[in-house]
């Protein structure tokens, strides 16, 4: 699920990618603004760009794409065995 949207992630600028990742972690616009030290209206602009570039309808969908991408990446990386 979300493969088409994940293929569009490279279209995001560096800042849009940061906002995208924070959406995937469930941050609000206000929290993203504080974390990135930018204005909340700038965050809103970046969120709109993310939605447009990924061709999704809502921040929830964008967040799900980010979460899915993170889960996909984590499952592709072999886990280290614990020493012991």
PDB file of N, CA and C in Angstrom:
ATOM      1  N   UNK A   1       0.844  -1.178   0.000  1.00  0.00           N
ATOM      2  CA  UNK A   1       0.000   0.000   0.000  1.00  0.00           C
ATOM      3  C   UNK A   1       0.891   1.244   0.000  1.00  0.00           C
ATOM      4  N   UNK A   2       0.492   2.287  -0.644  1.00  0.00           N
ATOM      5  CA  UNK A   2       1.167   3.573  -0.723  1.00  0.00           C
ATOM      6  C   UNK A   2       2.416   3.545  -1.601  1.00  0.00           C
ATOM      7  N   UNK A   3       2.588   2.523  -2.444  1.00  0.00           N
ATOM      8  CA  UNK A   3       3.788   2.447  -3.290  1.00  0.00           C
ATOM      9  C   UNK A   3       3.900   3.630  -4.242  1.00  0.00           C
ATOM     10  N   UNK A   4       2.815   4.003  -4.898  1.00  0.00           N
ATOM     11  CA  UNK A   4       2.850   5.122  -5.851  1.00  0.00           C
ATOM     12  C   UNK A   4       3.260   6.410  -5.140  1.00  0.00           C
ATOM     13  N   UNK A   5       2.717   6.637  -3.961  1.00  0.00           N
ATOM     14  CA  UNK A   5       3.034   7.841  -3.210  1.00  0.00           C
ATOM     15  C   UNK A   5       4.493   7.816  -2.728  1.00  0.00           C
ATOM     16  N   UNK A   6       4.956   6.656  -2.310  1.00  0.00           N
ATOM     17  CA  UNK A   6       6.347   6.537  -1.862  1.00  0.00           C
ATOM     18  C   UNK A   6       7.333   6.807  -3.002  1.00  0.00           C
ATOM     19  N   UNK A   7       6.945   6.457  -4.226  1.00  0.00           N
ATOM     20  CA  UNK A   7       7.809   6.735  -5.382  1.00  0.00           C
ATOM     21  C   UNK A   7       7.927   8.236  -5.650  1.00  0.00           C
ATOM     22  N   UNK A   8       6.970   9.018  -5.154  1.00  0.00           N
ATOM     23  CA  UNK A   8       6.995  10.468  -5.367  1.00  0.00           C
ATOM     24  C   UNK A   8       7.780  11.217  -4.285  1.00  0.00           C
ATOM     25  N   UNK A   9       8.165  10.548  -3.218  1.00  0.00           N
ATOM     26  CA  UNK A   9       8.870  11.208  -2.117  1.00  0.00           C
ATOM     27  C   UNK A   9      10.127  11.947  -2.588  1.00  0.00           C
ATOM     28  N   UNK A  10      10.903  11.405  -3.526  1.00  0.00           N
ATOM     29  CA  UNK A  10      12.089  12.154  -3.989  1.00  0.00           C
ATOM     30  C   UNK A  10      11.765  13.515  -4.619  1.00  0.00           C
ATOM     31  N   UNK A  11      10.511  13.765  -4.955  1.00  0.00           N
ATOM     32  CA  UNK A  11      10.117  15.062  -5.497  1.00  0.00           C
ATOM     33  C   UNK A  11      10.118  16.162  -4.437  1.00  0.00           C
ATOM     34  N   UNK A  12      10.136  15.782  -3.165  1.00  0.00           N
ATOM     35  CA  UNK A  12      10.061  16.746  -2.075  1.00  0.00           C
ATOM     36  C   UNK A  12      11.399  17.461  -1.896  1.00  0.00           C
ATOM     37  N   UNK A  13      11.315  18.749  -1.593  1.00  0.00           N
ATOM     38  CA  UNK A  13      12.529  19.494  -1.238  1.00  0.00           C
ATOM     39  C   UNK A  13      13.016  18.977   0.117  1.00  0.00           C
ATOM     40  N   UNK A  14      14.201  19.393   0.507  1.00  0.00           N
ATOM     41  CA  UNK A  14      14.753  18.957   1.801  1.00  0.00           C
ATOM     42  C   UNK A  14      13.834  19.362   2.953  1.00  0.00           C
ATOM     43  N   UNK A  15      13.346  20.592   2.936  1.00  0.00           N
ATOM     44  CA  UNK A  15      12.474  21.063   4.022  1.00  0.00           C
ATOM     45  C   UNK A  15      11.136  20.345   3.988  1.00  0.00           C
ATOM     46  N   UNK A  16      10.579  20.141   2.789  1.00  0.00           N
ATOM     47  CA  UNK A  16       9.320  19.401   2.676  1.00  0.00           C
ATOM     48  C   UNK A  16       9.498  17.983   3.206  1.00  0.00           C
ATOM     49  N   UNK A  17      10.647  17.388   2.954  1.00  0.00           N
ATOM     50  CA  UNK A  17      10.918  16.029   3.444  1.00  0.00           C
ATOM     51  C   UNK A  17      10.963  16.007   4.970  1.00  0.00           C
ATOM     52  N   UNK A  18      11.519  17.050   5.569  1.00  0.00           N
ATOM     53  CA  UNK A  18      11.537  17.131   7.034  1.00  0.00           C
ATOM     54  C   UNK A  18      10.109  17.216   7.575  1.00  0.00           C
ATOM     55  N   UNK A  19       9.308  18.070   6.967  1.00  0.00           N
ATOM     56  CA  UNK A  19       7.913  18.221   7.385  1.00  0.00           C
ATOM     57  C   UNK A  19       7.170  16.898   7.186  1.00  0.00           C
ATOM     58  N   UNK A  20       7.403  16.254   6.063  1.00  0.00           N
ATOM     59  CA  UNK A  20       6.789  14.961   5.745  1.00  0.00           C
ATOM     60  C   UNK A  20       7.101  13.927   6.830  1.00  0.00           C
ATOM     61  N   UNK A  21       8.355  13.841   7.237  1.00  0.00           N
ATOM     62  CA  UNK A  21       8.742  12.881   8.272  1.00  0.00           C
ATOM     63  C   UNK A  21       8.067  13.199   9.601  1.00  0.00           C
ATOM     64  N   UNK A  22       7.979  14.470   9.928  1.00  0.00           N
ATOM     65  CA  UNK A  22       7.331  14.855  11.182  1.00  0.00           C
ATOM     66  C   UNK A  22       5.827  14.592  11.136  1.00  0.00           C
ATOM     67  N   UNK A  23       5.217  14.728   9.964  1.00  0.00           N
ATOM     68  CA  UNK A  23       3.807  14.343   9.820  1.00  0.00           C
ATOM     69  C   UNK A  23       3.648  12.861  10.122  1.00  0.00           C
ATOM     70  N   UNK A  24       4.596  12.065   9.649  1.00  0.00           N
ATOM     71  CA  UNK A  24       4.563  10.629   9.888  1.00  0.00           C
ATOM     72  C   UNK A  24       4.726  10.258  11.351  1.00  0.00           C
ATOM     73  N   UNK A  25       5.316  11.167  12.119  1.00  0.00           N
ATOM     74  CA  UNK A  25       5.473  10.949  13.551  1.00  0.00           C
ATOM     75  C   UNK A  25       4.309  11.539  14.343  1.00  0.00           C
ATOM     76  N   UNK A  26       3.349  12.144  13.622  1.00  0.00           N
ATOM     77  CA  UNK A  26       2.138  12.640  14.267  1.00  0.00           C
ATOM     78  C   UNK A  26       2.214  14.056  14.812  1.00  0.00           C
ATOM     79  N   UNK A  27       3.227  14.824  14.416  1.00  0.00           N
ATOM     80  CA  UNK A  27       3.358  16.191  14.907  1.00  0.00           C
ATOM     81  C   UNK A  27       2.299  17.108  14.301  1.00  0.00           C
ATOM     82  N   UNK A  28       1.828  18.057  15.083  1.00  0.00           N
ATOM     83  CA  UNK A  28       0.908  19.090  14.599  1.00  0.00           C
ATOM     84  C   UNK A  28       1.713  20.163  13.881  1.00  0.00           C
ATOM     85  N   UNK A  29       1.009  21.042  13.152  1.00  0.00           N
ATOM     86  CA  UNK A  29       1.690  22.150  12.484  1.00  0.00           C
ATOM     87  C   UNK A  29       2.458  23.007  13.485  1.00  0.00           C
ATOM     88  N   UNK A  30       1.838  23.282  14.606  1.00  0.00           N
ATOM     89  CA  UNK A  30       2.477  24.117  15.629  1.00  0.00           C
ATOM     90  C   UNK A  30       3.750  23.446  16.154  1.00  0.00           C
ATOM     91  N   UNK A  31       3.671  22.144  16.398  1.00  0.00           N
ATOM     92  CA  UNK A  31       4.844  21.408  16.898  1.00  0.00           C
ATOM     93  C   UNK A  31       5.953  21.352  15.848  1.00  0.00           C
ATOM     94  N   UNK A  32       5.564  21.168  14.591  1.00  0.00           N
ATOM     95  CA  UNK A  32       6.553  21.158  13.505  1.00  0.00           C
ATOM     96  C   UNK A  32       7.237  22.518  13.427  1.00  0.00           C
ATOM     97  N   UNK A  33       6.450  23.580  13.529  1.00  0.00           N
ATOM     98  CA  UNK A  33       7.003  24.940  13.466  1.00  0.00           C
ATOM     99  C   UNK A  33       8.021  25.158  14.580  1.00  0.00           C
ATOM    100  N   UNK A  34       7.677  24.737  15.767  1.00  0.00           N
ATOM    101  CA  UNK A  34       8.609  24.901  16.895  1.00  0.00           C
ATOM    102  C   UNK A  34       9.865  24.071  16.682  1.00  0.00           C
ATOM    103  N   UNK A  35       9.672  22.852  16.260  1.00  0.00           N
ATOM    104  CA  UNK A  35      10.815  21.931  16.091  1.00  0.00           C
ATOM    105  C   UNK A  35      11.776  22.414  15.000  1.00  0.00           C
ATOM    106  N   UNK A  36      11.226  22.957  13.908  1.00  0.00           N
ATOM    107  CA  UNK A  36      12.062  23.414  12.792  1.00  0.00           C
ATOM    108  C   UNK A  36      12.405  24.895  12.881  1.00  0.00           C
ATOM    109  N   UNK A  37      11.869  25.556  13.903  1.00  0.00           N
ATOM    110  CA  UNK A  37      12.105  26.986  14.120  1.00  0.00           C
ATOM    111  C   UNK A  37      11.692  27.819  12.899  1.00  0.00           C
ATOM    112  N   UNK A  38      10.454  27.563  12.450  1.00  0.00           N
ATOM    113  CA  UNK A  38       9.869  28.313  11.338  1.00  0.00           C
ATOM    114  C   UNK A  38       8.454  28.717  11.727  1.00  0.00           C
ATOM    115  N   UNK A  39       7.862  29.623  10.967  1.00  0.00           N
ATOM    116  CA  UNK A  39       6.498  30.081  11.242  1.00  0.00           C
ATOM    117  C   UNK A  39       5.490  28.972  10.926  1.00  0.00           C
ATOM    118  N   UNK A  40       4.402  28.976  11.682  1.00  0.00           N
ATOM    119  CA  UNK A  40       3.359  27.975  11.462  1.00  0.00           C
ATOM    120  C   UNK A  40       2.764  28.091  10.057  1.00  0.00           C
ATOM    121  N   UNK A  41       2.644  29.305   9.540  1.00  0.00           N
ATOM    122  CA  UNK A  41       2.096  29.446   8.183  1.00  0.00           C
ATOM    123  C   UNK A  41       3.063  28.879   7.144  1.00  0.00           C
ATOM    124  N   UNK A  42       4.363  28.896   7.435  1.00  0.00           N
ATOM    125  CA  UNK A  42       5.346  28.270   6.548  1.00  0.00           C
ATOM    126  C   UNK A  42       5.161  26.760   6.566  1.00  0.00           C
ATOM    127  N   UNK A  43       4.889  26.223   7.733  1.00  0.00           N
ATOM    128  CA  UNK A  43       4.612  24.782   7.840  1.00  0.00           C
ATOM    129  C   UNK A  43       3.390  24.441   7.001  1.00  0.00           C
ATOM    130  N   UNK A  44       2.340  25.252   7.106  1.00  0.00           N
ATOM    131  CA  UNK A  44       1.126  25.004   6.324  1.00  0.00           C
ATOM    132  C   UNK A  44       1.430  24.988   4.830  1.00  0.00           C
ATOM    133  N   UNK A  45       2.296  25.904   4.390  1.00  0.00           N
ATOM    134  CA  UNK A  45       2.695  25.935   2.987  1.00  0.00           C
ATOM    135  C   UNK A  45       3.416  24.638   2.614  1.00  0.00           C
ATOM    136  N   UNK A  46       4.356  24.209   3.458  1.00  0.00           N
ATOM    137  CA  UNK A  46       5.100  22.976   3.178  1.00  0.00           C
ATOM    138  C   UNK A  46       4.175  21.757   3.173  1.00  0.00           C
ATOM    139  N   UNK A  47       3.233  21.719   4.100  1.00  0.00           N
ATOM    140  CA  UNK A  47       2.273  20.602   4.135  1.00  0.00           C
ATOM    141  C   UNK A  47       1.475  20.577   2.836  1.00  0.00           C
ATOM    142  N   UNK A  48       1.023  21.736   2.375  1.00  0.00           N
ATOM    143  CA  UNK A  48       0.267  21.803   1.117  1.00  0.00           C
ATOM    144  C   UNK A  48       1.119  21.293  -0.044  1.00  0.00           C
ATOM    145  N   UNK A  49       2.398  21.660  -0.056  1.00  0.00           N
ATOM    146  CA  UNK A  49       3.303  21.185  -1.110  1.00  0.00           C
ATOM    147  C   UNK A  49       3.481  19.668  -1.040  1.00  0.00           C
ATOM    148  N   UNK A  50       3.618  19.142   0.155  1.00  0.00           N
ATOM    149  CA  UNK A  50       3.759  17.692   0.340  1.00  0.00           C
ATOM    150  C   UNK A  50       2.523  16.979  -0.194  1.00  0.00           C
ATOM    151  N   UNK A  51       1.347  17.464   0.183  1.00  0.00           N
ATOM    152  CA  UNK A  51       0.100  16.840  -0.269  1.00  0.00           C
ATOM    153  C   UNK A  51       0.015  16.856  -1.789  1.00  0.00           C
ATOM    154  N   UNK A  52       0.362  17.978  -2.380  1.00  0.00           N
ATOM    155  CA  UNK A  52       0.305  18.110  -3.830  1.00  0.00           C
ATOM    156  C   UNK A  52       1.306  17.179  -4.519  1.00  0.00           C
ATOM    157  N   UNK A  53       2.546  17.198  -4.059  1.00  0.00           N
ATOM    158  CA  UNK A  53       3.581  16.394  -4.711  1.00  0.00           C
ATOM    159  C   UNK A  53       3.363  14.898  -4.546  1.00  0.00           C
ATOM    160  N   UNK A  54       2.815  14.489  -3.406  1.00  0.00           N
ATOM    161  CA  UNK A  54       2.550  13.065  -3.192  1.00  0.00           C
ATOM    162  C   UNK A  54       1.205  12.642  -3.764  1.00  0.00           C
ATOM    163  N   UNK A  55       0.395  13.626  -4.147  1.00  0.00           N
ATOM    164  CA  UNK A  55      -0.941  13.386  -4.686  1.00  0.00           C
ATOM    165  C   UNK A  55      -1.825  12.649  -3.679  1.00  0.00           C
ATOM    166  N   UNK A  56      -1.831  13.198  -2.445  1.00  0.00           N
ATOM    167  CA  UNK A  56      -2.719  12.681  -1.400  1.00  0.00           C
ATOM    168  C   UNK A  56      -3.675  13.791  -1.000  1.00  0.00           C
ATOM    169  N   UNK A  57      -4.763  13.424  -0.351  1.00  0.00           N
ATOM    170  CA  UNK A  57      -5.818  14.383  -0.054  1.00  0.00           C
ATOM    171  C   UNK A  57      -5.726  15.027   1.322  1.00  0.00           C
ATOM    172  N   UNK A  58      -4.980  14.423   2.238  1.00  0.00           N
ATOM    173  CA  UNK A  58      -4.970  14.945   3.604  1.00  0.00           C
ATOM    174  C   UNK A  58      -3.624  14.734   4.271  1.00  0.00           C
ATOM    175  N   UNK A  59      -3.405  15.475   5.344  1.00  0.00           N
ATOM    176  CA  UNK A  59      -2.188  15.301   6.129  1.00  0.00           C
ATOM    177  C   UNK A  59      -2.149  13.920   6.765  1.00  0.00           C
ATOM    178  N   UNK A  60      -3.329  13.363   7.065  1.00  0.00           N
ATOM    179  CA  UNK A  60      -3.374  12.004   7.594  1.00  0.00           C
ATOM    180  C   UNK A  60      -2.807  11.024   6.573  1.00  0.00           C
ATOM    181  N   UNK A  61      -3.227  11.154   5.320  1.00  0.00           N
ATOM    182  CA  UNK A  61      -2.699  10.276   4.281  1.00  0.00           C
ATOM    183  C   UNK A  61      -1.195  10.476   4.110  1.00  0.00           C
ATOM    184  N   UNK A  62      -0.735  11.713   4.127  1.00  0.00           N
ATOM    185  CA  UNK A  62       0.704  11.979   4.013  1.00  0.00           C
ATOM    186  C   UNK A  62       1.445  11.339   5.180  1.00  0.00           C
ATOM    187  N   UNK A  63       0.884  11.450   6.366  1.00  0.00           N
ATOM    188  CA  UNK A  63       1.490  10.830   7.541  1.00  0.00           C
ATOM    189  C   UNK A  63       1.548   9.317   7.421  1.00  0.00           C
ATOM    190  N   UNK A  64       0.505   8.733   6.866  1.00  0.00           N
ATOM    191  CA  UNK A  64       0.487   7.281   6.670  1.00  0.00           C
ATOM    192  C   UNK A  64       1.527   6.847   5.644  1.00  0.00           C
ATOM    193  N   UNK A  65       1.725   7.656   4.612  1.00  0.00           N
ATOM    194  CA  UNK A  65       2.762   7.358   3.618  1.00  0.00           C
ATOM    195  C   UNK A  65       4.128   7.393   4.296  1.00  0.00           C
ATOM    196  N   UNK A  66       4.382   8.420   5.105  1.00  0.00           N
ATOM    197  CA  UNK A  66       5.660   8.539   5.807  1.00  0.00           C
ATOM    198  C   UNK A  66       5.860   7.355   6.752  1.00  0.00           C
ATOM    199  N   UNK A  67       4.828   7.009   7.488  1.00  0.00           N
ATOM    200  CA  UNK A  67       4.903   5.885   8.425  1.00  0.00           C
ATOM    201  C   UNK A  67       5.166   4.591   7.671  1.00  0.00           C
ATOM    202  N   UNK A  68       4.467   4.384   6.558  1.00  0.00           N
ATOM    203  CA  UNK A  68       4.654   3.171   5.759  1.00  0.00           C
ATOM    204  C   UNK A  68       6.072   3.085   5.211  1.00  0.00           C
ATOM    205  N   UNK A  69       6.591   4.211   4.753  1.00  0.00           N
ATOM    206  CA  UNK A  69       7.958   4.238   4.245  1.00  0.00           C
ATOM    207  C   UNK A  69       8.962   3.888   5.320  1.00  0.00           C
ATOM    208  N   UNK A  70       8.748   4.409   6.508  1.00  0.00           N
ATOM    209  CA  UNK A  70       9.641   4.111   7.627  1.00  0.00           C
ATOM    210  C   UNK A  70       9.574   2.631   7.981  1.00  0.00           C
ATOM    211  N   UNK A  71       8.382   2.078   8.016  1.00  0.00           N
ATOM    212  CA  UNK A  71       8.204   0.652   8.335  1.00  0.00           C
ATOM    213  C   UNK A  71       8.836  -0.218   7.255  1.00  0.00           C
ATOM    214  N   UNK A  72       8.672   0.167   6.002  1.00  0.00           N
ATOM    215  CA  UNK A  72       9.248  -0.581   4.891  1.00  0.00           C
ATOM    216  C   UNK A  72      10.767  -0.584   4.995  1.00  0.00           C
ATOM    217  N   UNK A  73      11.334   0.594   5.285  1.00  0.00           N
ATOM    218  CA  UNK A  73      12.785   0.699   5.414  1.00  0.00           C
ATOM    219  C   UNK A  73      13.282  -0.135   6.592  1.00  0.00           C
ATOM    220  N   UNK A  74      12.598  -0.052   7.714  1.00  0.00           N
ATOM    221  CA  UNK A  74      13.025  -0.787   8.905  1.00  0.00           C
ATOM    222  C   UNK A  74      12.987  -2.290   8.676  1.00  0.00           C
ATOM    223  N   UNK A  75      11.996  -2.777   7.930  1.00  0.00           N
ATOM    224  CA  UNK A  75      11.900  -4.213   7.690  1.00  0.00           C
ATOM    225  C   UNK A  75      12.941  -4.682   6.670  1.00  0.00           C
ATOM    226  N   UNK A  76      13.474  -3.752   5.868  1.00  0.00           N
ATOM    227  CA  UNK A  76      14.477  -4.114   4.860  1.00  0.00           C
ATOM    228  C   UNK A  76      15.890  -4.142   5.440  1.00  0.00           C
ATOM    229  N   UNK A  77      16.081  -3.521   6.605  1.00  0.00           N
ATOM    230  CA  UNK A  77      17.391  -3.474   7.233  1.00  0.00           C
ATOM    231  C   UNK A  77      17.519  -4.654   8.177  1.00  0.00           C
ATOM    232  N   UNK A  78      18.534  -5.502   7.977  1.00  0.00           N
ATOM    233  CA  UNK A  78      18.690  -6.657   8.873  1.00  0.00           C
ATOM    234  C   UNK A  78      18.958  -6.208  10.310  1.00  0.00           C
ATOM    235  N   UNK A  79      18.341  -6.885  11.233  1.00  0.00           N
ATOM    236  CA  UNK A  79      18.544  -6.560  12.652  1.00  0.00           C
ATOM    237  C   UNK A  79      19.821  -7.228  13.148  1.00  0.00           C
ATOM    238  N   UNK A  80      20.512  -6.520  14.009  1.00  0.00           N
ATOM    239  CA  UNK A  80      21.714  -7.069  14.616  1.00  0.00           C
ATOM    240  C   UNK A  80      21.331  -8.017  15.735  1.00  0.00           C
ATOM    241  N   UNK A  81      22.078  -9.065  15.854  1.00  0.00           N
ATOM    242  CA  UNK A  81      21.859  -9.978  16.969  1.00  0.00           C
ATOM    243  C   UNK A  81      22.472  -9.381  18.212  1.00  0.00           C
ATOM    244  N   UNK A  82      21.775  -9.554  19.321  1.00  0.00           N
ATOM    245  CA  UNK A  82      22.280  -9.036  20.591  1.00  0.00           C
ATOM    246  C   UNK A  82      23.408  -9.923  21.095  1.00  0.00           C
ATOM    247  N   UNK A  83      24.419  -9.280  21.609  1.00  0.00           N
ATOM    248  CA  UNK A  83      25.539 -10.027  22.190  1.00  0.00           C
ATOM    249  C   UNK A  83      25.072 -10.681  23.478  1.00  0.00           C
ATOM    250  N   UNK A  84      25.559 -11.840  23.708  1.00  0.00           N
ATOM    251  CA  UNK A  84      25.153 -12.404  24.986  1.00  0.00           C
ATOM    252  C   UNK A  84      25.193 -13.815  24.983  1.00  0.00           C
TER     253      UNK A  84
END
